[in-house]
Amino acid sequence: WFLRTDAIIWGAVLALLPRSLASPEILKSARWSRSVLRITGIVLLIALPLVARSVTGFGADAKSYGVGLTALICAMLVWVASYDLNLFAVGTRFRQVMMYIGSRSYSIYLAHFVIYNMVNHYARMFAEHFESQWLNDIYFNALVVTVGLVLTFIASEFTYRFVESGLQHKGRYFARKILSQRAAAPVGDGDRMKPDEP
């Protein structure tokens, strides 16, 4: 489960969908598709946090199928979104916020676990040192969540700008270079198509 291979496989399946009967161009033309996709998306959005909370975890709390099931729900949400029908659009500002979060989603994924564990550890250590009575209070949890969110977005923004964007740029550069070299390579005699013999 640690390598997320099942999630990667779902991504590969999504990449192949445009060549199948589930192609967005095919189902988008159906009159019922918009309503069905909207209902499906809402159900999946509600199910995602509930299922993830129940089946994912670490150590003895982890279920062998937890990551795969959560990844399946996420893949279905991406499939619904691939129809590009603005099913959940509530305005331009909301779209901009979602685009921002989406562009930094991988950086958020990498940063949030470390940040929240660090914030929770030091907050509890600080509260226990002063024998605070609000250690398990709702205000303590709200403080941990708020500080964790702020630090997560700061760390993810830094990672996105100075690490992820740079690696993406280099990846595109090398991909274009490899493709241009292949396009410029001469075709050998063995690679030429032979004319049909009578």
Protein backbone atom coordinates (compact mmCIF):
# COMPACT_ATOMS: atom_id res chain seq x y z
CA TRP A 1 0.00 0.00 0.00
CA PHE A 2 2.94 2.34 0.62
CA LEU A 3 3.92 2.57 -3.06
CA ARG A 4 0.34 3.36 -4.13
CA THR A 5 0.62 1.03 -7.13
CA ASP A 6 -3.13 0.49 -7.21
CA ALA A 7 -3.69 4.25 -7.42
CA ILE A 8 -1.20 4.42 -10.30
CA ILE A 9 -3.11 1.66 -12.09
CA TRP A 10 -6.39 3.57 -11.72
CA GLY A 11 -4.62 6.55 -13.31
CA ALA A 12 -3.59 4.36 -16.23
CA VAL A 13 -7.18 3.15 -16.61
CA LEU A 14 -8.40 6.75 -16.73
CA ALA A 15 -5.88 7.49 -19.46
CA LEU A 16 -7.34 4.65 -21.56
CA LEU A 17 -10.99 5.65 -21.08
CA PRO A 18 -11.10 8.07 -24.05
CA ARG A 19 -10.58 5.04 -26.30
CA SER A 20 -13.43 3.09 -24.74
CA LEU A 21 -17.23 3.23 -24.60
CA ALA A 22 -16.86 5.46 -21.51
CA SER A 23 -15.34 8.20 -23.64
CA PRO A 24 -16.40 11.69 -22.53
CA GLU A 25 -17.38 12.53 -26.10
CA ILE A 26 -19.79 9.60 -26.23
CA LEU A 27 -21.51 10.00 -22.88
CA LYS A 28 -21.45 13.80 -22.97
CA SER A 29 -23.95 13.74 -25.82
CA ALA A 30 -26.50 11.74 -23.81
CA ARG A 31 -29.35 13.82 -22.38
CA TRP A 32 -29.29 12.01 -19.05
CA SER A 33 -25.54 12.19 -18.57
CA ARG A 34 -25.35 15.57 -16.83
CA SER A 35 -27.84 14.67 -14.09
CA VAL A 36 -26.36 11.21 -13.55
CA LEU A 37 -22.81 12.54 -13.40
CA ARG A 38 -23.80 15.31 -10.98
CA ILE A 39 -25.51 12.85 -8.61
CA THR A 40 -22.60 10.42 -8.91
CA GLY A 41 -20.11 13.17 -8.12
CA ILE A 42 -22.03 14.34 -5.03
CA VAL A 43 -22.29 10.78 -3.70
CA LEU A 44 -18.56 10.23 -4.25
CA LEU A 45 -17.65 13.53 -2.57
CA ILE A 46 -19.67 12.53 0.50
CA ALA A 47 -18.30 8.98 0.52
CA LEU A 48 -14.62 9.92 0.14
CA PRO A 49 -13.91 11.32 3.64
CA LEU A 50 -16.17 8.73 5.31
CA VAL A 51 -14.53 5.78 3.58
CA ALA A 52 -10.99 7.18 3.93
CA ARG A 53 -11.48 7.67 7.67
CA SER A 54 -12.72 4.10 8.10
CA VAL A 55 -10.24 2.10 6.02
CA THR A 56 -6.97 4.03 5.92
CA GLY A 57 -4.38 4.36 8.66
CA PHE A 58 -0.94 3.25 9.80
CA GLY A 59 0.33 0.12 11.48
CA ALA A 60 -2.37 -2.02 13.04
CA ASP A 61 -5.04 0.50 12.04
CA ALA A 62 -4.26 0.19 8.33
CA LYS A 63 -6.49 -1.95 6.13
CA SER A 64 -4.86 -3.79 3.25
CA TYR A 65 -7.55 -2.53 0.88
CA GLY A 66 -7.80 1.00 2.34
CA VAL A 67 -5.58 2.90 -0.06
CA GLY A 68 -6.92 1.02 -3.06
CA LEU A 69 -10.55 1.74 -2.16
CA THR A 70 -9.84 5.40 -1.50
CA ALA A 71 -7.90 5.63 -4.77
CA LEU A 72 -10.85 4.06 -6.61
CA ILE A 73 -13.23 6.73 -5.31
CA CYS A 74 -10.74 9.46 -6.29
CA ALA A 75 -10.37 7.92 -9.75
CA MET A 76 -14.15 7.93 -10.20
CA LEU A 77 -14.25 11.61 -9.18
CA VAL A 78 -11.57 12.39 -11.77
CA TRP A 79 -13.59 10.42 -14.33
CA VAL A 80 -16.68 12.50 -13.54
CA ALA A 81 -14.64 15.70 -13.80
CA SER A 82 -13.15 14.60 -17.14
CA TYR A 83 -16.46 15.38 -18.86
CA ASP A 84 -15.73 19.07 -18.26
CA LEU A 85 -19.39 19.95 -17.74
CA ASN A 86 -18.84 22.32 -14.80
CA LEU A 87 -20.97 20.04 -12.65
CA PHE A 88 -19.83 21.58 -9.37
CA ALA A 89 -19.02 25.10 -10.54
CA VAL A 90 -20.34 27.83 -8.23
CA GLY A 91 -18.53 30.83 -9.71
CA THR A 92 -15.27 32.03 -11.20
CA ARG A 93 -13.68 32.72 -7.81
CA PHE A 94 -14.38 29.19 -6.59
CA ARG A 95 -12.93 27.78 -9.81
CA GLN A 96 -9.75 29.82 -9.34
CA VAL A 97 -9.36 28.54 -5.79
CA MET A 98 -9.86 24.94 -6.90
CA MET A 99 -7.39 25.39 -9.76
CA TYR A 100 -4.83 26.75 -7.31
CA ILE A 101 -5.30 23.85 -4.89
CA GLY A 102 -5.25 21.35 -7.75
CA SER A 103 -1.96 22.67 -9.13
CA ARG A 104 -0.35 22.23 -5.71
CA SER A 105 -2.18 19.06 -4.69
CA TYR A 106 0.89 16.82 -4.87
CA SER A 107 2.95 19.24 -2.79
CA ILE A 108 0.10 19.41 -0.26
CA TYR A 109 0.00 15.61 -0.21
CA LEU A 110 3.71 15.42 0.55
CA ALA A 111 3.73 18.15 3.19
CA HIS A 112 0.54 17.68 5.20
CA PHE A 113 1.47 14.50 7.07
CA VAL A 114 4.81 15.84 8.32
CA ILE A 115 3.38 19.26 9.16
CA TYR A 116 0.37 17.99 11.11
CA ASN A 117 2.40 15.49 13.12
CA MET A 118 4.94 18.19 13.95
CA VAL A 119 2.28 20.72 14.97
CA ASN A 120 0.38 18.17 17.05
CA HIS A 121 3.57 17.00 18.80
CA TYR A 122 4.80 20.46 19.78
CA ALA A 123 1.34 21.72 20.71
CA ARG A 124 0.82 18.81 23.09
CA MET A 125 4.31 19.18 24.50
CA PHE A 126 3.68 22.89 25.12
CA ALA A 127 0.29 22.26 26.74
CA GLU A 128 1.59 19.46 28.98
CA HIS A 129 4.55 21.58 30.06
CA PHE A 130 2.22 24.25 31.41
CA GLU A 131 -0.29 21.65 32.67
CA SER A 132 -2.93 23.15 30.43
CA GLN A 133 -6.50 22.01 31.00
CA TRP A 134 -7.47 22.55 27.34
CA LEU A 135 -5.23 19.82 25.95
CA ASN A 136 -8.20 17.76 24.73
CA ASP A 137 -10.53 20.69 24.30
CA ILE A 138 -12.13 21.59 20.99
CA TYR A 139 -10.14 24.83 20.94
CA PHE A 140 -6.89 22.89 21.11
CA ASN A 141 -7.92 20.75 18.12
CA ALA A 142 -9.06 23.84 16.22
CA LEU A 143 -5.68 25.47 16.87
CA VAL A 144 -3.78 22.42 15.64
CA VAL A 145 -5.92 22.24 12.47
CA THR A 146 -5.57 25.97 11.76
CA VAL A 147 -1.81 26.12 12.30
CA GLY A 148 -1.38 22.88 10.37
CA LEU A 149 -3.35 24.24 7.41
CA VAL A 150 -1.36 27.48 7.29
CA LEU A 151 2.01 25.72 7.52
CA THR A 152 0.94 23.06 5.00
CA PHE A 153 0.05 25.69 2.40
CA ILE A 154 3.28 27.60 3.06
CA ALA A 155 5.36 24.43 2.70
CA SER A 156 3.46 23.24 -0.37
CA GLU A 157 3.80 26.64 -2.05
CA PHE A 158 7.55 26.62 -1.42
CA THR A 159 7.86 23.03 -2.69
CA TYR A 160 5.75 23.76 -5.77
CA ARG A 161 7.65 26.90 -6.76
CA PHE A 162 11.21 25.81 -6.06
CA VAL A 163 11.14 22.02 -6.50
CA GLU A 164 8.13 20.71 -8.41
CA SER A 165 7.94 23.46 -11.05
CA GLY A 166 11.67 23.20 -11.75
CA LEU A 167 11.50 19.42 -12.16
CA GLN A 168 8.44 19.72 -14.42
CA HIS A 169 10.30 22.21 -16.61
CA LYS A 170 13.31 19.91 -16.87
CA GLY A 171 11.06 16.93 -17.59
CA ARG A 172 9.35 18.77 -20.46
CA TYR A 173 12.76 19.87 -21.80
CA PHE A 174 14.14 16.32 -21.85
CA ALA A 175 10.89 14.94 -23.31
CA ARG A 176 10.98 17.46 -26.18
CA LYS A 177 14.66 16.73 -26.74
CA ILE A 178 14.09 12.97 -26.94
CA LEU A 179 11.11 13.40 -29.28
CA SER A 180 13.04 15.77 -31.55
CA GLN A 181 15.97 13.36 -31.73
CA ARG A 182 13.66 10.51 -32.69
CA ALA A 183 11.98 12.65 -35.34
CA ALA A 184 15.35 13.65 -36.82
CA ALA A 185 16.83 10.13 -36.77
CA PRO A 186 17.26 8.66 -40.30
CA VAL A 187 15.09 5.72 -41.19
CA GLY A 188 17.13 2.59 -41.80
CA ASP A 189 16.62 0.18 -44.65
CA GLY A 190 15.12 -2.34 -42.27
CA ASP A 191 12.58 0.21 -41.06
CA ARG A 192 11.33 1.21 -44.50
CA MET A 193 8.08 -0.31 -45.66
CA LYS A 194 8.56 -2.63 -48.56
CA PRO A 195 6.18 -2.29 -51.52
CA ASP A 196 3.68 -5.08 -51.99
CA GLU A 197 5.03 -7.76 -54.28
CA PRO A 198 2.80 -8.93 -57.14
